[in-house]
Amino acid sequence: MTRIRRRGTPDNPVYEARTRDVLVRVAPAYMAEQSQPEEGKWLWSYVVEIENHGTETVTLMSRHWIITDALNRVEEVQGPGVVGEQPVLGPREAFRYNSGCPLTTPSGSMRGTYQMVTAAGEAFDVEIPAFSLHLPGALRRVN
C-alpha cells in the first residue's frame, strides 16, 4: 500500500509517498533564471530524498518517470538508477539527489516509480508521488 501526502508551503510544496517502508519525498522548484518563456522553455529542478524505514537493505535499480505538460502531452523516461548511481540503502539510511525537467509549457506534473530490489533478490516498485510543476503564485494542482 502507498500513502501519498503533500506538505510544505504553497510556494515551496513537498510531496511524499511511502511504499513498503520506503519514503520518497520530492521538493520541486521553478528555475526562473534558466527558463526562457519567450522561447517556450520552462525549467524545473527537484530534490528527491529516498529513506529506507524498513529492516531490509534495498537497492534502487531503475526509474520510470511520467512527465505531463499543460497540454496533457506525456513523455516517459526510463533507465538504470538515478543521476548515474544505483544507491544501496540499509535500514534507516537515506539517499538525496537533485535533478531537473524542461517543459515547453509553463506548468505540468511528474510522477513515477523506482524499481527496488532487496538483498534477498525480491524486486518491488516504490511510488514517486505525483507532484505539480507550476509557476510561483499560480494555482497548484496535479494535472
N, C-alpha and C. Protein backbone atom coordinates (compact mmCIF):
# COMPACT_ATOMS: atom_id res chain seq x y z
N MET A 1 0.84 -1.18 0.00
CA MET A 1 0.00 0.00 0.00
C MET A 1 0.88 1.24 0.00
N THR A 2 0.48 2.25 -0.75
CA THR A 2 1.23 3.50 -0.84
C THR A 2 0.41 4.62 -0.22
N ARG A 3 1.04 5.40 0.61
CA ARG A 3 0.40 6.59 1.17
C ARG A 3 1.05 7.81 0.55
N ILE A 4 0.24 8.77 0.10
CA ILE A 4 0.75 9.99 -0.52
C ILE A 4 0.24 11.18 0.26
N ARG A 5 1.11 12.18 0.44
CA ARG A 5 0.66 13.42 1.07
C ARG A 5 1.52 14.57 0.59
N ARG A 6 0.98 15.76 0.77
CA ARG A 6 1.66 16.99 0.36
C ARG A 6 1.90 17.82 1.60
N ARG A 7 3.10 18.38 1.71
CA ARG A 7 3.47 19.22 2.84
C ARG A 7 4.13 20.47 2.30
N GLY A 8 4.73 21.25 3.19
CA GLY A 8 5.44 22.44 2.77
C GLY A 8 4.50 23.64 2.71
N THR A 9 4.93 24.66 1.98
CA THR A 9 4.14 25.89 1.84
C THR A 9 3.62 25.97 0.41
N PRO A 10 2.65 26.85 0.15
CA PRO A 10 2.11 26.95 -1.22
C PRO A 10 3.19 27.21 -2.28
N ASP A 11 4.18 28.04 -2.00
CA ASP A 11 5.22 28.30 -3.00
C ASP A 11 6.40 27.33 -2.90
N ASN A 12 6.44 26.51 -1.87
CA ASN A 12 7.50 25.51 -1.70
C ASN A 12 6.91 24.18 -1.24
N PRO A 13 6.09 23.56 -2.08
CA PRO A 13 5.45 22.30 -1.65
C PRO A 13 6.45 21.15 -1.60
N VAL A 14 6.15 20.19 -0.74
CA VAL A 14 6.92 18.95 -0.63
C VAL A 14 5.91 17.81 -0.74
N TYR A 15 6.18 16.88 -1.62
CA TYR A 15 5.28 15.76 -1.86
C TYR A 15 5.93 14.48 -1.34
N GLU A 16 5.13 13.60 -0.73
CA GLU A 16 5.66 12.37 -0.16
C GLU A 16 4.81 11.17 -0.56
N ALA A 17 5.47 10.02 -0.73
CA ALA A 17 4.79 8.74 -0.91
C ALA A 17 5.59 7.70 -0.15
N ARG A 18 4.89 6.78 0.46
CA ARG A 18 5.55 5.72 1.22
C ARG A 18 5.04 4.37 0.72
N THR A 19 5.97 3.52 0.29
CA THR A 19 5.66 2.19 -0.20
C THR A 19 6.58 1.20 0.51
N ARG A 20 6.01 0.22 1.18
CA ARG A 20 6.82 -0.83 1.84
C ARG A 20 7.95 -0.25 2.67
N ASP A 21 7.67 0.71 3.48
CA ASP A 21 8.65 1.32 4.38
C ASP A 21 9.75 2.11 3.66
N VAL A 22 9.56 2.41 2.38
CA VAL A 22 10.48 3.30 1.67
C VAL A 22 9.73 4.60 1.41
N LEU A 23 10.26 5.69 1.96
CA LEU A 23 9.64 7.01 1.82
C LEU A 23 10.36 7.77 0.72
N VAL A 24 9.59 8.33 -0.22
CA VAL A 24 10.13 9.18 -1.27
C VAL A 24 9.54 10.56 -1.08
N ARG A 25 10.40 11.55 -0.96
CA ARG A 25 10.00 12.94 -0.75
C ARG A 25 10.56 13.78 -1.91
N VAL A 26 9.69 14.60 -2.53
CA VAL A 26 10.11 15.42 -3.67
C VAL A 26 9.76 16.88 -3.40
N ALA A 27 10.74 17.76 -3.64
CA ALA A 27 10.54 19.21 -3.48
C ALA A 27 10.90 19.88 -4.81
N PRO A 28 9.89 20.24 -5.63
CA PRO A 28 10.17 20.89 -6.90
C PRO A 28 10.34 22.40 -6.75
N ALA A 29 11.05 23.01 -7.71
CA ALA A 29 11.23 24.46 -7.71
C ALA A 29 11.38 24.95 -9.15
N TYR A 30 10.77 26.09 -9.43
CA TYR A 30 10.88 26.71 -10.75
C TYR A 30 12.21 27.43 -10.86
N MET A 31 12.90 27.26 -11.98
CA MET A 31 14.20 27.89 -12.20
C MET A 31 14.04 29.06 -13.18
N ALA A 32 13.58 30.18 -12.64
CA ALA A 32 13.29 31.35 -13.48
C ALA A 32 14.51 31.84 -14.24
N GLU A 33 15.68 31.84 -13.58
CA GLU A 33 16.88 32.37 -14.21
C GLU A 33 17.39 31.52 -15.37
N GLN A 34 16.99 30.27 -15.44
CA GLN A 34 17.41 29.40 -16.53
C GLN A 34 16.30 29.12 -17.53
N SER A 35 15.10 29.62 -17.26
CA SER A 35 13.97 29.44 -18.17
C SER A 35 13.96 30.54 -19.23
N GLN A 36 13.34 30.26 -20.35
CA GLN A 36 13.20 31.22 -21.44
C GLN A 36 11.76 31.18 -21.95
N PRO A 37 10.82 31.76 -21.18
CA PRO A 37 9.40 31.70 -21.57
C PRO A 37 9.13 32.24 -22.98
N GLU A 38 9.88 33.27 -23.37
CA GLU A 38 9.67 33.84 -24.71
C GLU A 38 10.01 32.85 -25.81
N GLU A 39 10.80 31.82 -25.48
CA GLU A 39 11.15 30.76 -26.43
C GLU A 39 10.41 29.45 -26.13
N GLY A 40 9.45 29.50 -25.19
CA GLY A 40 8.69 28.31 -24.85
C GLY A 40 9.48 27.28 -24.07
N LYS A 41 10.37 27.74 -23.17
CA LYS A 41 11.19 26.84 -22.35
C LYS A 41 11.07 27.22 -20.88
N TRP A 42 10.52 26.31 -20.10
CA TRP A 42 10.42 26.49 -18.65
C TRP A 42 11.20 25.35 -18.01
N LEU A 43 12.09 25.68 -17.07
CA LEU A 43 12.93 24.67 -16.44
C LEU A 43 12.60 24.53 -14.97
N TRP A 44 12.50 23.28 -14.53
CA TRP A 44 12.18 22.95 -13.14
C TRP A 44 13.30 22.11 -12.56
N SER A 45 13.60 22.33 -11.31
CA SER A 45 14.52 21.45 -10.59
C SER A 45 13.70 20.74 -9.52
N TYR A 46 14.23 19.65 -9.04
CA TYR A 46 13.58 18.96 -7.93
C TYR A 46 14.63 18.21 -7.12
N VAL A 47 14.39 18.17 -5.83
CA VAL A 47 15.23 17.42 -4.91
C VAL A 47 14.44 16.20 -4.48
N VAL A 48 15.05 15.03 -4.58
CA VAL A 48 14.40 13.79 -4.16
C VAL A 48 15.18 13.21 -2.98
N GLU A 49 14.45 12.84 -1.95
CA GLU A 49 15.02 12.13 -0.82
C GLU A 49 14.34 10.77 -0.74
N ILE A 50 15.15 9.72 -0.65
CA ILE A 50 14.63 8.36 -0.53
C ILE A 50 15.12 7.83 0.80
N GLU A 51 14.20 7.45 1.67
CA GLU A 51 14.55 6.99 3.01
C GLU A 51 14.06 5.55 3.19
N ASN A 52 14.94 4.70 3.71
CA ASN A 52 14.57 3.32 4.00
C ASN A 52 14.19 3.22 5.47
N HIS A 53 12.90 3.10 5.74
CA HIS A 53 12.40 2.97 7.11
C HIS A 53 12.16 1.50 7.47
N GLY A 54 12.56 0.60 6.59
CA GLY A 54 12.34 -0.82 6.83
C GLY A 54 13.53 -1.49 7.51
N THR A 55 13.47 -2.81 7.56
CA THR A 55 14.53 -3.59 8.21
C THR A 55 15.43 -4.29 7.20
N GLU A 56 15.09 -4.20 5.90
CA GLU A 56 15.88 -4.85 4.86
C GLU A 56 16.69 -3.83 4.09
N THR A 57 17.86 -4.23 3.62
CA THR A 57 18.65 -3.39 2.72
C THR A 57 18.01 -3.47 1.33
N VAL A 58 17.89 -2.31 0.66
CA VAL A 58 17.31 -2.26 -0.67
C VAL A 58 18.24 -1.49 -1.61
N THR A 59 18.20 -1.85 -2.88
CA THR A 59 18.98 -1.16 -3.91
C THR A 59 18.03 -0.60 -4.95
N LEU A 60 18.23 0.68 -5.30
CA LEU A 60 17.43 1.31 -6.35
C LEU A 60 18.04 0.89 -7.69
N MET A 61 17.31 0.09 -8.44
CA MET A 61 17.83 -0.45 -9.70
C MET A 61 17.53 0.44 -10.91
N SER A 62 16.29 0.96 -10.96
CA SER A 62 15.90 1.76 -12.13
C SER A 62 14.80 2.74 -11.77
N ARG A 63 14.52 3.63 -12.74
CA ARG A 63 13.49 4.64 -12.55
C ARG A 63 12.57 4.65 -13.76
N HIS A 64 11.34 5.10 -13.53
CA HIS A 64 10.36 5.29 -14.60
C HIS A 64 9.59 6.57 -14.27
N TRP A 65 9.80 7.61 -15.05
CA TRP A 65 9.13 8.89 -14.86
C TRP A 65 8.05 9.07 -15.91
N ILE A 66 6.93 9.67 -15.51
CA ILE A 66 5.87 10.06 -16.43
C ILE A 66 5.71 11.57 -16.26
N ILE A 67 6.02 12.30 -17.32
CA ILE A 67 6.01 13.76 -17.29
C ILE A 67 4.86 14.24 -18.18
N THR A 68 3.98 15.05 -17.62
CA THR A 68 2.81 15.55 -18.35
C THR A 68 2.86 17.07 -18.38
N ASP A 69 2.74 17.67 -19.57
CA ASP A 69 2.75 19.13 -19.64
C ASP A 69 1.32 19.68 -19.57
N ALA A 70 1.19 20.99 -19.66
CA ALA A 70 -0.12 21.64 -19.51
C ALA A 70 -1.10 21.29 -20.63
N LEU A 71 -0.60 20.77 -21.75
CA LEU A 71 -1.46 20.36 -22.85
C LEU A 71 -1.74 18.85 -22.80
N ASN A 72 -1.42 18.23 -21.66
CA ASN A 72 -1.59 16.79 -21.42
C ASN A 72 -0.78 15.91 -22.36
N ARG A 73 0.33 16.46 -22.88
CA ARG A 73 1.27 15.63 -23.64
C ARG A 73 2.13 14.89 -22.62
N VAL A 74 2.34 13.61 -22.86
CA VAL A 74 3.05 12.76 -21.90
C VAL A 74 4.37 12.30 -22.49
N GLU A 75 5.41 12.39 -21.66
CA GLU A 75 6.73 11.85 -22.00
C GLU A 75 7.12 10.88 -20.90
N GLU A 76 7.62 9.73 -21.28
CA GLU A 76 8.08 8.75 -20.30
C GLU A 76 9.60 8.61 -20.39
N VAL A 77 10.24 8.56 -19.22
CA VAL A 77 11.69 8.43 -19.14
C VAL A 77 11.99 7.22 -18.27
N GLN A 78 12.78 6.30 -18.79
CA GLN A 78 13.15 5.10 -18.04
C GLN A 78 14.65 4.89 -18.15
N GLY A 79 15.22 4.28 -17.12
CA GLY A 79 16.64 3.98 -17.19
C GLY A 79 17.15 3.43 -15.88
N PRO A 80 18.41 3.00 -15.90
CA PRO A 80 19.00 2.45 -14.69
C PRO A 80 19.30 3.55 -13.66
N GLY A 81 19.09 3.23 -12.39
CA GLY A 81 19.46 4.12 -11.29
C GLY A 81 18.93 5.53 -11.39
N VAL A 82 19.59 6.42 -10.66
CA VAL A 82 19.28 7.85 -10.67
C VAL A 82 20.59 8.61 -10.67
N VAL A 83 20.68 9.68 -11.43
CA VAL A 83 21.88 10.52 -11.56
C VAL A 83 23.17 9.69 -11.63
N GLY A 84 23.12 8.61 -12.42
CA GLY A 84 24.29 7.78 -12.62
C GLY A 84 24.63 6.84 -11.48
N GLU A 85 23.74 6.69 -10.51
CA GLU A 85 24.01 5.82 -9.36
C GLU A 85 22.87 4.83 -9.16
N GLN A 86 23.19 3.74 -8.52
CA GLN A 86 22.20 2.77 -8.06
C GLN A 86 22.41 2.63 -6.55
N PRO A 87 21.86 3.57 -5.79
CA PRO A 87 22.15 3.61 -4.36
C PRO A 87 21.64 2.40 -3.60
N VAL A 88 22.43 1.98 -2.62
CA VAL A 88 22.08 0.89 -1.71
C VAL A 88 21.73 1.54 -0.38
N LEU A 89 20.53 1.24 0.11
CA LEU A 89 20.06 1.84 1.36
C LEU A 89 19.82 0.76 2.40
N GLY A 90 20.65 0.79 3.42
CA GLY A 90 20.42 -0.10 4.54
C GLY A 90 19.29 0.44 5.39
N PRO A 91 18.87 -0.32 6.40
CA PRO A 91 17.84 0.18 7.30
C PRO A 91 18.24 1.53 7.90
N ARG A 92 17.30 2.48 7.87
CA ARG A 92 17.47 3.82 8.42
C ARG A 92 18.48 4.67 7.64
N GLU A 93 18.77 4.29 6.40
CA GLU A 93 19.65 5.09 5.56
C GLU A 93 18.82 5.85 4.52
N ALA A 94 19.42 6.93 3.99
CA ALA A 94 18.72 7.77 3.02
C ALA A 94 19.68 8.14 1.89
N PHE A 95 19.09 8.51 0.77
CA PHE A 95 19.83 8.99 -0.39
C PHE A 95 19.12 10.22 -0.91
N ARG A 96 19.88 11.26 -1.27
CA ARG A 96 19.30 12.51 -1.75
C ARG A 96 19.99 12.90 -3.04
N TYR A 97 19.19 13.37 -4.01
CA TYR A 97 19.79 13.85 -5.26
C TYR A 97 18.95 14.98 -5.83
N ASN A 98 19.59 15.75 -6.72
CA ASN A 98 18.95 16.86 -7.44
C ASN A 98 18.88 16.50 -8.91
N SER A 99 17.79 16.90 -9.55
CA SER A 99 17.66 16.71 -10.98
C SER A 99 16.79 17.82 -11.54
N GLY A 100 16.45 17.73 -12.81
CA GLY A 100 15.65 18.77 -13.42
C GLY A 100 14.82 18.26 -14.57
N CYS A 101 13.89 19.11 -14.99
CA CYS A 101 12.97 18.74 -16.06
C CYS A 101 12.60 19.99 -16.86
N PRO A 102 12.85 19.99 -18.17
CA PRO A 102 12.39 21.09 -19.00
C PRO A 102 10.96 20.83 -19.48
N LEU A 103 10.18 21.89 -19.59
CA LEU A 103 8.83 21.79 -20.15
C LEU A 103 8.70 22.81 -21.27
N THR A 104 7.80 22.53 -22.21
CA THR A 104 7.50 23.50 -23.27
C THR A 104 6.22 24.26 -22.97
N THR A 105 5.67 24.06 -21.78
CA THR A 105 4.51 24.81 -21.29
C THR A 105 4.86 25.32 -19.89
N PRO A 106 4.17 26.35 -19.38
CA PRO A 106 4.54 26.91 -18.08
C PRO A 106 4.15 26.06 -16.87
N SER A 107 3.47 24.95 -17.09
CA SER A 107 3.11 24.09 -15.96
C SER A 107 3.03 22.65 -16.43
N GLY A 108 2.95 21.76 -15.44
CA GLY A 108 2.85 20.34 -15.74
C GLY A 108 2.91 19.54 -14.45
N SER A 109 3.20 18.26 -14.59
CA SER A 109 3.33 17.40 -13.41
C SER A 109 4.26 16.24 -13.73
N MET A 110 4.74 15.62 -12.69
CA MET A 110 5.59 14.44 -12.82
C MET A 110 5.15 13.41 -11.79
N ARG A 111 5.35 12.16 -12.11
CA ARG A 111 5.12 11.05 -11.18
C ARG A 111 5.92 9.87 -11.71
N GLY A 112 5.99 8.81 -10.93
CA GLY A 112 6.73 7.66 -11.42
C GLY A 112 6.94 6.59 -10.38
N THR A 113 7.92 5.72 -10.68
CA THR A 113 8.27 4.63 -9.77
C THR A 113 9.77 4.38 -9.83
N TYR A 114 10.29 3.87 -8.71
CA TYR A 114 11.64 3.33 -8.67
C TYR A 114 11.50 1.83 -8.51
N GLN A 115 12.29 1.06 -9.27
CA GLN A 115 12.30 -0.38 -9.04
C GLN A 115 13.42 -0.65 -8.05
N MET A 116 13.04 -1.27 -6.95
CA MET A 116 13.97 -1.61 -5.88
C MET A 116 14.12 -3.12 -5.84
N VAL A 117 15.23 -3.57 -5.25
CA VAL A 117 15.42 -4.99 -5.02
C VAL A 117 16.03 -5.16 -3.64
N THR A 118 15.54 -6.13 -2.90
CA THR A 118 16.06 -6.41 -1.57
C THR A 118 17.36 -7.22 -1.69
N ALA A 119 18.09 -7.32 -0.59
CA ALA A 119 19.31 -8.12 -0.57
C ALA A 119 19.00 -9.58 -0.88
N ALA A 120 17.78 -10.03 -0.60
CA ALA A 120 17.37 -11.40 -0.89
C ALA A 120 16.94 -11.59 -2.35
N GLY A 121 16.93 -10.49 -3.14
CA GLY A 121 16.59 -10.59 -4.56
C GLY A 121 15.15 -10.33 -4.91
N GLU A 122 14.33 -9.91 -3.95
CA GLU A 122 12.92 -9.60 -4.23
C GLU A 122 12.80 -8.20 -4.83
N ALA A 123 12.20 -8.11 -6.00
CA ALA A 123 12.00 -6.82 -6.67
C ALA A 123 10.63 -6.27 -6.33
N PHE A 124 10.55 -4.95 -6.17
CA PHE A 124 9.28 -4.28 -5.94
C PHE A 124 9.38 -2.83 -6.39
N ASP A 125 8.23 -2.24 -6.71
CA ASP A 125 8.18 -0.85 -7.14
C ASP A 125 7.84 0.06 -5.98
N VAL A 126 8.52 1.20 -5.93
CA VAL A 126 8.25 2.24 -4.95
C VAL A 126 7.69 3.43 -5.70
N GLU A 127 6.57 3.94 -5.25
CA GLU A 127 5.93 5.06 -5.92
C GLU A 127 6.66 6.37 -5.66
N ILE A 128 6.84 7.14 -6.73
CA ILE A 128 7.29 8.52 -6.63
C ILE A 128 6.01 9.34 -6.66
N PRO A 129 5.76 10.19 -5.65
CA PRO A 129 4.48 10.89 -5.61
C PRO A 129 4.31 11.82 -6.82
N ALA A 130 3.08 11.94 -7.28
CA ALA A 130 2.78 12.93 -8.32
C ALA A 130 3.04 14.30 -7.73
N PHE A 131 3.76 15.14 -8.48
CA PHE A 131 4.00 16.50 -7.99
C PHE A 131 3.79 17.51 -9.10
N SER A 132 3.37 18.67 -8.67
CA SER A 132 2.97 19.74 -9.55
C SER A 132 4.16 20.62 -9.92
N LEU A 133 4.21 21.02 -11.19
CA LEU A 133 5.20 21.97 -11.67
C LEU A 133 4.44 23.21 -12.13
N HIS A 134 4.31 24.17 -11.23
CA HIS A 134 3.58 25.40 -11.53
C HIS A 134 4.40 26.61 -11.13
N LEU A 135 4.21 27.69 -11.84
CA LEU A 135 4.94 28.91 -11.54
C LEU A 135 4.60 29.41 -10.16
N PRO A 136 5.55 30.04 -9.46
CA PRO A 136 5.26 30.59 -8.13
C PRO A 136 4.04 31.51 -8.17
N GLY A 137 3.16 31.31 -7.19
CA GLY A 137 1.94 32.12 -7.09
C GLY A 137 0.77 31.58 -7.90
N ALA A 138 1.01 30.59 -8.76
CA ALA A 138 -0.06 30.03 -9.58
C ALA A 138 -0.90 29.06 -8.75
N LEU A 139 -2.13 28.87 -9.17
CA LEU A 139 -2.99 27.86 -8.55
C LEU A 139 -2.36 26.51 -8.78
N ARG A 140 -2.15 25.74 -7.70
CA ARG A 140 -1.47 24.46 -7.82
C ARG A 140 -2.45 23.30 -7.84
N ARG A 141 -2.22 22.44 -8.81
CA ARG A 141 -2.94 21.18 -8.87
C ARG A 141 -2.11 20.23 -9.71
N VAL A 142 -2.21 18.97 -9.41
CA VAL A 142 -1.54 17.98 -10.23
C VAL A 142 -2.43 17.78 -11.44
N ASN A 143 -1.87 17.98 -12.64
CA ASN A 143 -2.65 17.91 -13.88
C ASN A 143 -3.34 16.58 -14.02
